[in-house]
Amino acid sequence: MGEPGAVPDGSDPVELAHWLFDRARAGETERLGAYVDAGVPVDMTDARGNTLLMLAAYHGHAATVQALLDRGADAEAMNDRGQTPLAGAVFKGYEDVVRTLVAAGASARTGTPNAWDTATFFDRPDLLEILRTARGETGR
């Protein structure tokens, strides 16, 4: 492996994947988008089933979330624990990411725990109001 944070040369696909997941966590939209545009699968997953979108959403990077959605990322891809990017964004309280995912058609009722239940549990009426417009929400 090279120096931490250094761009991998691509000879080790695992090293490159870890580096790309770190770019999603850091919200490096342009850099990550360039790799996806060059052929990196937009919905690739880490060892825990987290997609690039999940990591960007969980770390509060709305611009990166939008860029990945624009490139075809699955807004409802669940990780190995049954969590969705929307539920992760609600858990962390990232209103801009929640709005971005809802606008892309993410459902408030997908996953375990789902975004609706998460917002209810953490008493986030502001996020519940946004979730009312999410696909699959019945307006309760």
N, C-alpha and C. Protein backbone atom coordinates (compact mmCIF):
# COMPACT_ATOMS: atom_id res chain seq x y z
N MET A 1 0.83 -1.18 0.00
CA MET A 1 0.00 0.00 0.00
C MET A 1 0.87 1.24 0.00
N GLY A 2 0.34 2.30 -0.61
CA GLY A 2 1.06 3.56 -0.65
C GLY A 2 0.83 4.36 0.62
N GLU A 3 1.17 5.63 0.54
CA GLU A 3 0.98 6.52 1.68
C GLU A 3 -0.51 6.74 1.93
N PRO A 4 -0.89 6.94 3.20
CA PRO A 4 -2.31 7.19 3.51
C PRO A 4 -2.83 8.40 2.73
N GLY A 5 -3.97 8.23 2.08
CA GLY A 5 -4.59 9.32 1.33
C GLY A 5 -4.05 9.49 -0.07
N ALA A 6 -2.91 8.84 -0.37
CA ALA A 6 -2.35 8.93 -1.72
C ALA A 6 -3.26 8.20 -2.70
N VAL A 7 -3.33 8.71 -3.92
CA VAL A 7 -4.15 8.08 -4.95
C VAL A 7 -3.51 6.74 -5.32
N PRO A 8 -4.27 5.65 -5.19
CA PRO A 8 -3.71 4.35 -5.54
C PRO A 8 -3.46 4.27 -7.05
N ASP A 9 -2.51 3.45 -7.43
CA ASP A 9 -2.20 3.33 -8.86
C ASP A 9 -3.15 2.38 -9.58
N GLY A 10 -4.02 1.72 -8.85
CA GLY A 10 -5.01 0.83 -9.47
C GLY A 10 -4.55 -0.61 -9.58
N SER A 11 -3.31 -0.88 -9.21
CA SER A 11 -2.82 -2.26 -9.32
C SER A 11 -3.46 -3.18 -8.28
N ASP A 12 -3.95 -2.61 -7.20
CA ASP A 12 -4.62 -3.38 -6.15
C ASP A 12 -6.07 -2.89 -6.07
N PRO A 13 -7.01 -3.67 -6.63
CA PRO A 13 -8.41 -3.21 -6.64
C PRO A 13 -9.01 -3.02 -5.25
N VAL A 14 -8.55 -3.79 -4.28
CA VAL A 14 -9.06 -3.64 -2.91
C VAL A 14 -8.60 -2.30 -2.35
N GLU A 15 -7.34 -1.96 -2.55
CA GLU A 15 -6.82 -0.68 -2.10
C GLU A 15 -7.58 0.48 -2.75
N LEU A 16 -7.83 0.35 -4.04
CA LEU A 16 -8.58 1.39 -4.75
C LEU A 16 -10.00 1.51 -4.19
N ALA A 17 -10.65 0.39 -3.93
CA ALA A 17 -12.02 0.42 -3.38
C ALA A 17 -12.04 1.11 -2.03
N HIS A 18 -11.11 0.76 -1.15
CA HIS A 18 -11.05 1.42 0.17
C HIS A 18 -10.83 2.93 0.01
N TRP A 19 -9.98 3.29 -0.90
CA TRP A 19 -9.70 4.70 -1.15
C TRP A 19 -10.95 5.42 -1.64
N LEU A 20 -11.72 4.77 -2.53
CA LEU A 20 -12.96 5.37 -3.03
C LEU A 20 -14.01 5.50 -1.93
N PHE A 21 -14.11 4.51 -1.06
CA PHE A 21 -15.05 4.63 0.06
C PHE A 21 -14.66 5.80 0.95
N ASP A 22 -13.36 6.00 1.14
CA ASP A 22 -12.91 7.16 1.92
C ASP A 22 -13.26 8.47 1.22
N ARG A 23 -13.23 8.51 -0.09
CA ARG A 23 -13.62 9.72 -0.84
C ARG A 23 -15.11 10.02 -0.62
N ALA A 24 -15.93 8.97 -0.55
CA ALA A 24 -17.36 9.16 -0.28
C ALA A 24 -17.56 9.71 1.13
N ARG A 25 -16.85 9.15 2.09
CA ARG A 25 -16.94 9.63 3.48
C ARG A 25 -16.51 11.08 3.60
N ALA A 26 -15.52 11.47 2.81
CA ALA A 26 -14.97 12.83 2.87
C ALA A 26 -15.76 13.82 2.00
N GLY A 27 -16.67 13.32 1.20
CA GLY A 27 -17.46 14.21 0.35
C GLY A 27 -16.67 14.80 -0.82
N GLU A 28 -15.73 14.06 -1.34
CA GLU A 28 -14.93 14.52 -2.47
C GLU A 28 -15.69 14.25 -3.77
N THR A 29 -16.68 15.08 -4.00
CA THR A 29 -17.65 14.88 -5.08
C THR A 29 -17.01 14.75 -6.45
N GLU A 30 -16.20 15.72 -6.83
CA GLU A 30 -15.63 15.71 -8.18
C GLU A 30 -14.72 14.51 -8.40
N ARG A 31 -13.88 14.24 -7.44
CA ARG A 31 -12.95 13.12 -7.57
C ARG A 31 -13.70 11.80 -7.65
N LEU A 32 -14.65 11.60 -6.76
CA LEU A 32 -15.42 10.37 -6.75
C LEU A 32 -16.23 10.24 -8.03
N GLY A 33 -16.86 11.33 -8.46
CA GLY A 33 -17.64 11.31 -9.70
C GLY A 33 -16.80 10.94 -10.90
N ALA A 34 -15.57 11.42 -10.95
CA ALA A 34 -14.68 11.10 -12.07
C ALA A 34 -14.40 9.60 -12.14
N TYR A 35 -14.21 8.98 -10.99
CA TYR A 35 -13.96 7.53 -10.98
C TYR A 35 -15.20 6.76 -11.41
N VAL A 36 -16.37 7.19 -10.95
CA VAL A 36 -17.61 6.52 -11.38
C VAL A 36 -17.80 6.73 -12.88
N ASP A 37 -17.55 7.94 -13.36
CA ASP A 37 -17.67 8.20 -14.80
C ASP A 37 -16.71 7.34 -15.61
N ALA A 38 -15.57 6.99 -15.01
CA ALA A 38 -14.57 6.17 -15.70
C ALA A 38 -14.85 4.67 -15.60
N GLY A 39 -15.91 4.30 -14.87
CA GLY A 39 -16.29 2.90 -14.86
C GLY A 39 -16.40 2.22 -13.51
N VAL A 40 -16.07 2.90 -12.43
CA VAL A 40 -16.26 2.31 -11.11
C VAL A 40 -17.76 2.13 -10.89
N PRO A 41 -18.20 0.95 -10.47
CA PRO A 41 -19.64 0.74 -10.25
C PRO A 41 -20.18 1.70 -9.18
N VAL A 42 -21.21 2.45 -9.53
CA VAL A 42 -21.76 3.45 -8.61
C VAL A 42 -22.34 2.81 -7.37
N ASP A 43 -22.77 1.57 -7.46
CA ASP A 43 -23.38 0.89 -6.31
C ASP A 43 -22.46 -0.18 -5.71
N MET A 44 -21.14 -0.02 -5.90
CA MET A 44 -20.25 -1.00 -5.27
C MET A 44 -20.38 -0.89 -3.75
N THR A 45 -20.11 -2.00 -3.08
CA THR A 45 -20.30 -2.04 -1.62
C THR A 45 -19.00 -2.42 -0.92
N ASP A 46 -18.92 -1.97 0.34
CA ASP A 46 -17.80 -2.36 1.18
C ASP A 46 -18.13 -3.69 1.86
N ALA A 47 -17.29 -4.11 2.78
CA ALA A 47 -17.47 -5.40 3.45
C ALA A 47 -18.74 -5.47 4.28
N ARG A 48 -19.33 -4.32 4.59
CA ARG A 48 -20.56 -4.29 5.39
C ARG A 48 -21.80 -3.99 4.54
N GLY A 49 -21.61 -3.98 3.24
CA GLY A 49 -22.73 -3.73 2.34
C GLY A 49 -23.06 -2.27 2.13
N ASN A 50 -22.21 -1.37 2.62
CA ASN A 50 -22.45 0.06 2.43
C ASN A 50 -22.03 0.49 1.04
N THR A 51 -22.91 1.21 0.35
CA THR A 51 -22.57 1.76 -0.95
C THR A 51 -21.86 3.10 -0.77
N LEU A 52 -21.31 3.60 -1.86
CA LEU A 52 -20.73 4.95 -1.85
C LEU A 52 -21.78 5.95 -1.40
N LEU A 53 -23.02 5.78 -1.88
CA LEU A 53 -24.12 6.68 -1.52
C LEU A 53 -24.40 6.63 -0.02
N MET A 54 -24.43 5.44 0.55
CA MET A 54 -24.68 5.30 1.98
C MET A 54 -23.62 6.06 2.78
N LEU A 55 -22.37 5.90 2.40
CA LEU A 55 -21.29 6.55 3.14
C LEU A 55 -21.34 8.07 2.98
N ALA A 56 -21.64 8.54 1.79
CA ALA A 56 -21.76 9.99 1.58
C ALA A 56 -22.93 10.55 2.36
N ALA A 57 -24.05 9.83 2.37
CA ALA A 57 -25.25 10.29 3.10
C ALA A 57 -25.00 10.30 4.60
N TYR A 58 -24.41 9.25 5.11
CA TYR A 58 -24.18 9.11 6.55
C TYR A 58 -23.19 10.17 7.06
N HIS A 59 -22.35 10.65 6.18
CA HIS A 59 -21.36 11.66 6.58
C HIS A 59 -21.78 13.07 6.17
N GLY A 60 -23.02 13.22 5.67
CA GLY A 60 -23.60 14.54 5.48
C GLY A 60 -23.18 15.30 4.25
N HIS A 61 -22.85 14.61 3.18
CA HIS A 61 -22.38 15.28 1.97
C HIS A 61 -23.46 15.30 0.88
N ALA A 62 -24.34 16.28 0.96
CA ALA A 62 -25.48 16.35 0.03
C ALA A 62 -25.03 16.46 -1.42
N ALA A 63 -23.99 17.23 -1.70
CA ALA A 63 -23.54 17.37 -3.09
C ALA A 63 -23.02 16.04 -3.64
N THR A 64 -22.32 15.29 -2.81
CA THR A 64 -21.82 13.98 -3.24
C THR A 64 -22.99 13.02 -3.42
N VAL A 65 -23.95 13.07 -2.51
CA VAL A 65 -25.16 12.24 -2.64
C VAL A 65 -25.84 12.54 -3.98
N GLN A 66 -26.02 13.82 -4.29
CA GLN A 66 -26.68 14.19 -5.54
C GLN A 66 -25.87 13.72 -6.75
N ALA A 67 -24.57 13.88 -6.70
CA ALA A 67 -23.73 13.45 -7.82
C ALA A 67 -23.83 11.95 -8.05
N LEU A 68 -23.86 11.18 -6.98
CA LEU A 68 -24.00 9.72 -7.11
C LEU A 68 -25.38 9.35 -7.62
N LEU A 69 -26.41 10.02 -7.13
CA LEU A 69 -27.77 9.77 -7.64
C LEU A 69 -27.86 10.10 -9.12
N ASP A 70 -27.23 11.20 -9.51
CA ASP A 70 -27.23 11.60 -10.93
C ASP A 70 -26.56 10.55 -11.81
N ARG A 71 -25.67 9.76 -11.21
CA ARG A 71 -24.96 8.72 -11.95
C ARG A 71 -25.62 7.35 -11.79
N GLY A 72 -26.83 7.34 -11.23
CA GLY A 72 -27.60 6.10 -11.17
C GLY A 72 -27.53 5.32 -9.88
N ALA A 73 -26.99 5.90 -8.81
CA ALA A 73 -26.93 5.18 -7.54
C ALA A 73 -28.34 4.83 -7.06
N ASP A 74 -28.46 3.68 -6.45
CA ASP A 74 -29.73 3.20 -5.91
C ASP A 74 -29.98 3.89 -4.57
N ALA A 75 -30.98 4.76 -4.52
CA ALA A 75 -31.29 5.53 -3.31
C ALA A 75 -31.76 4.65 -2.17
N GLU A 76 -32.15 3.41 -2.46
CA GLU A 76 -32.69 2.54 -1.42
C GLU A 76 -31.84 1.30 -1.17
N ALA A 77 -30.63 1.28 -1.67
CA ALA A 77 -29.77 0.13 -1.44
C ALA A 77 -29.51 -0.01 0.06
N MET A 78 -29.82 -1.18 0.59
CA MET A 78 -29.63 -1.43 2.02
C MET A 78 -28.28 -2.08 2.27
N ASN A 79 -27.69 -1.72 3.41
CA ASN A 79 -26.45 -2.38 3.81
C ASN A 79 -26.79 -3.71 4.48
N ASP A 80 -25.78 -4.39 4.99
CA ASP A 80 -26.00 -5.71 5.58
C ASP A 80 -26.85 -5.67 6.85
N ARG A 81 -27.04 -4.49 7.42
CA ARG A 81 -27.87 -4.35 8.62
C ARG A 81 -29.29 -3.91 8.27
N GLY A 82 -29.60 -3.80 6.98
CA GLY A 82 -30.92 -3.41 6.55
C GLY A 82 -31.16 -1.91 6.59
N GLN A 83 -30.10 -1.12 6.65
CA GLN A 83 -30.22 0.34 6.73
C GLN A 83 -30.11 0.95 5.33
N THR A 84 -30.84 2.04 5.13
CA THR A 84 -30.79 2.76 3.87
C THR A 84 -30.05 4.09 4.04
N PRO A 85 -29.62 4.68 2.93
CA PRO A 85 -29.00 6.01 3.03
C PRO A 85 -29.92 7.03 3.69
N LEU A 86 -31.23 6.96 3.40
CA LEU A 86 -32.17 7.91 3.99
C LEU A 86 -32.24 7.75 5.51
N ALA A 87 -32.32 6.53 5.98
CA ALA A 87 -32.36 6.31 7.43
C ALA A 87 -31.06 6.77 8.08
N GLY A 88 -29.94 6.56 7.41
CA GLY A 88 -28.66 7.02 7.94
C GLY A 88 -28.61 8.54 8.04
N ALA A 89 -29.11 9.22 7.02
CA ALA A 89 -29.12 10.69 7.03
C ALA A 89 -30.06 11.21 8.11
N VAL A 90 -31.18 10.54 8.31
CA VAL A 90 -32.11 10.95 9.37
C VAL A 90 -31.45 10.74 10.73
N PHE A 91 -30.83 9.59 10.92
CA PHE A 91 -30.15 9.30 12.19
C PHE A 91 -29.12 10.37 12.53
N LYS A 92 -28.37 10.81 11.53
CA LYS A 92 -27.34 11.82 11.76
C LYS A 92 -27.90 13.25 11.75
N GLY A 93 -29.16 13.41 11.31
CA GLY A 93 -29.79 14.73 11.33
C GLY A 93 -29.39 15.65 10.19
N TYR A 94 -29.01 15.10 9.06
CA TYR A 94 -28.58 15.89 7.90
C TYR A 94 -29.77 16.24 7.01
N GLU A 95 -30.41 17.37 7.32
CA GLU A 95 -31.62 17.77 6.61
C GLU A 95 -31.40 17.89 5.11
N ASP A 96 -30.28 18.48 4.69
CA ASP A 96 -30.05 18.65 3.25
C ASP A 96 -29.90 17.31 2.54
N VAL A 97 -29.30 16.34 3.19
CA VAL A 97 -29.17 15.01 2.59
C VAL A 97 -30.54 14.33 2.56
N VAL A 98 -31.31 14.47 3.62
CA VAL A 98 -32.66 13.91 3.65
C VAL A 98 -33.49 14.47 2.49
N ARG A 99 -33.45 15.77 2.32
CA ARG A 99 -34.19 16.40 1.21
C ARG A 99 -33.73 15.88 -0.15
N THR A 100 -32.43 15.71 -0.31
CA THR A 100 -31.88 15.22 -1.57
C THR A 100 -32.37 13.81 -1.87
N LEU A 101 -32.33 12.95 -0.88
CA LEU A 101 -32.76 11.57 -1.07
C LEU A 101 -34.26 11.46 -1.30
N VAL A 102 -35.04 12.24 -0.57
CA VAL A 102 -36.49 12.23 -0.76
C VAL A 102 -36.83 12.71 -2.17
N ALA A 103 -36.16 13.76 -2.62
CA ALA A 103 -36.40 14.29 -3.97
C ALA A 103 -36.05 13.24 -5.04
N ALA A 104 -35.13 12.35 -4.72
CA ALA A 104 -34.73 11.29 -5.66
C ALA A 104 -35.66 10.08 -5.59
N GLY A 105 -36.65 10.12 -4.69
CA GLY A 105 -37.62 9.05 -4.62
C GLY A 105 -37.39 8.01 -3.55
N ALA A 106 -36.47 8.26 -2.63
CA ALA A 106 -36.24 7.30 -1.55
C ALA A 106 -37.47 7.19 -0.67
N SER A 107 -37.76 5.98 -0.24
CA SER A 107 -38.91 5.73 0.61
C SER A 107 -38.55 5.86 2.09
N ALA A 108 -39.45 6.48 2.83
CA ALA A 108 -39.26 6.63 4.27
C ALA A 108 -39.53 5.33 5.01
N ARG A 109 -40.11 4.35 4.34
CA ARG A 109 -40.52 3.11 5.01
C ARG A 109 -39.67 1.91 4.65
N THR A 110 -38.60 2.11 3.88
CA THR A 110 -37.73 1.01 3.50
C THR A 110 -36.62 0.85 4.53
N GLY A 111 -36.30 -0.39 4.85
CA GLY A 111 -35.18 -0.67 5.74
C GLY A 111 -35.58 -0.88 7.18
N THR A 112 -34.59 -1.28 7.97
CA THR A 112 -34.79 -1.56 9.39
C THR A 112 -33.62 -1.03 10.19
N PRO A 113 -33.82 -0.08 11.05
CA PRO A 113 -35.04 0.71 11.16
C PRO A 113 -35.16 1.63 9.95
N ASN A 114 -36.38 1.95 9.59
CA ASN A 114 -36.56 2.82 8.43
C ASN A 114 -36.44 4.29 8.86
N ALA A 115 -36.43 5.16 7.86
CA ALA A 115 -36.21 6.58 8.13
C ALA A 115 -37.34 7.17 8.98
N TRP A 116 -38.57 6.77 8.72
CA TRP A 116 -39.71 7.29 9.48
C TRP A 116 -39.58 6.93 10.96
N ASP A 117 -39.31 5.65 11.22
CA ASP A 117 -39.19 5.19 12.61
C ASP A 117 -37.99 5.86 13.30
N THR A 118 -36.93 6.07 12.56
CA THR A 118 -35.74 6.73 13.13
C THR A 118 -36.06 8.17 13.52
N ALA A 119 -36.73 8.90 12.63
CA ALA A 119 -37.09 10.28 12.92
C ALA A 119 -38.07 10.36 14.09
N THR A 120 -38.97 9.40 14.18
CA THR A 120 -39.93 9.35 15.29
C THR A 120 -39.21 9.07 16.60
N PHE A 121 -38.33 8.07 16.60
CA PHE A 121 -37.61 7.68 17.81
C PHE A 121 -36.76 8.83 18.35
N PHE A 122 -36.10 9.58 17.46
CA PHE A 122 -35.22 10.66 17.89
C PHE A 122 -35.95 12.01 17.96
N ASP A 123 -37.28 11.96 17.88
CA ASP A 123 -38.12 13.16 18.01
C ASP A 123 -37.64 14.29 17.09
N ARG A 124 -37.68 14.00 15.79
CA ARG A 124 -37.26 14.96 14.77
C ARG A 124 -38.45 15.35 13.90
N PRO A 125 -39.37 16.18 14.44
CA PRO A 125 -40.54 16.57 13.65
C PRO A 125 -40.16 17.30 12.37
N ASP A 126 -39.03 18.02 12.37
CA ASP A 126 -38.57 18.70 11.16
C ASP A 126 -38.28 17.70 10.05
N LEU A 127 -37.65 16.59 10.40
CA LEU A 127 -37.35 15.57 9.40
C LEU A 127 -38.59 14.77 9.03
N LEU A 128 -39.47 14.54 10.00
CA LEU A 128 -40.73 13.86 9.68
C LEU A 128 -41.54 14.64 8.65
N GLU A 129 -41.51 15.96 8.76
CA GLU A 129 -42.23 16.78 7.79
C GLU A 129 -41.66 16.58 6.39
N ILE A 130 -40.36 16.50 6.27
CA ILE A 130 -39.74 16.25 4.97
C ILE A 130 -40.09 14.85 4.49
N LEU A 131 -40.08 13.89 5.39
CA LEU A 131 -40.36 12.50 5.03
C LEU A 131 -41.80 12.29 4.59
N ARG A 132 -42.70 13.16 4.98
CA ARG A 132 -44.10 13.01 4.56
C ARG A 132 -44.23 13.01 3.04
N THR A 133 -43.27 13.63 2.36
CA THR A 133 -43.34 13.67 0.90
C THR A 133 -42.59 12.51 0.25
N ALA A 134 -41.96 11.66 1.06
CA ALA A 134 -41.18 10.54 0.52
C ALA A 134 -42.09 9.48 -0.08
N ARG A 135 -41.57 8.80 -1.09
CA ARG A 135 -42.29 7.70 -1.72
C ARG A 135 -42.59 6.64 -0.67
N GLY A 136 -43.79 6.14 -0.68
CA GLY A 136 -44.16 5.10 0.26
C GLY A 136 -44.70 5.60 1.57
N GLU A 137 -44.68 6.92 1.78
CA GLU A 137 -45.19 7.47 3.04
C GLU A 137 -46.68 7.69 2.90
N THR A 138 -47.41 7.33 3.92
CA THR A 138 -48.86 7.43 3.88
C THR A 138 -49.38 8.72 4.50
N GLY A 139 -48.49 9.58 4.98
CA GLY A 139 -48.92 10.85 5.55
C GLY A 139 -49.28 10.79 7.02
N ARG A 140 -48.93 9.70 7.67
CA ARG A 140 -49.25 9.57 9.09
C ARG A 140 -48.46 10.55 9.91
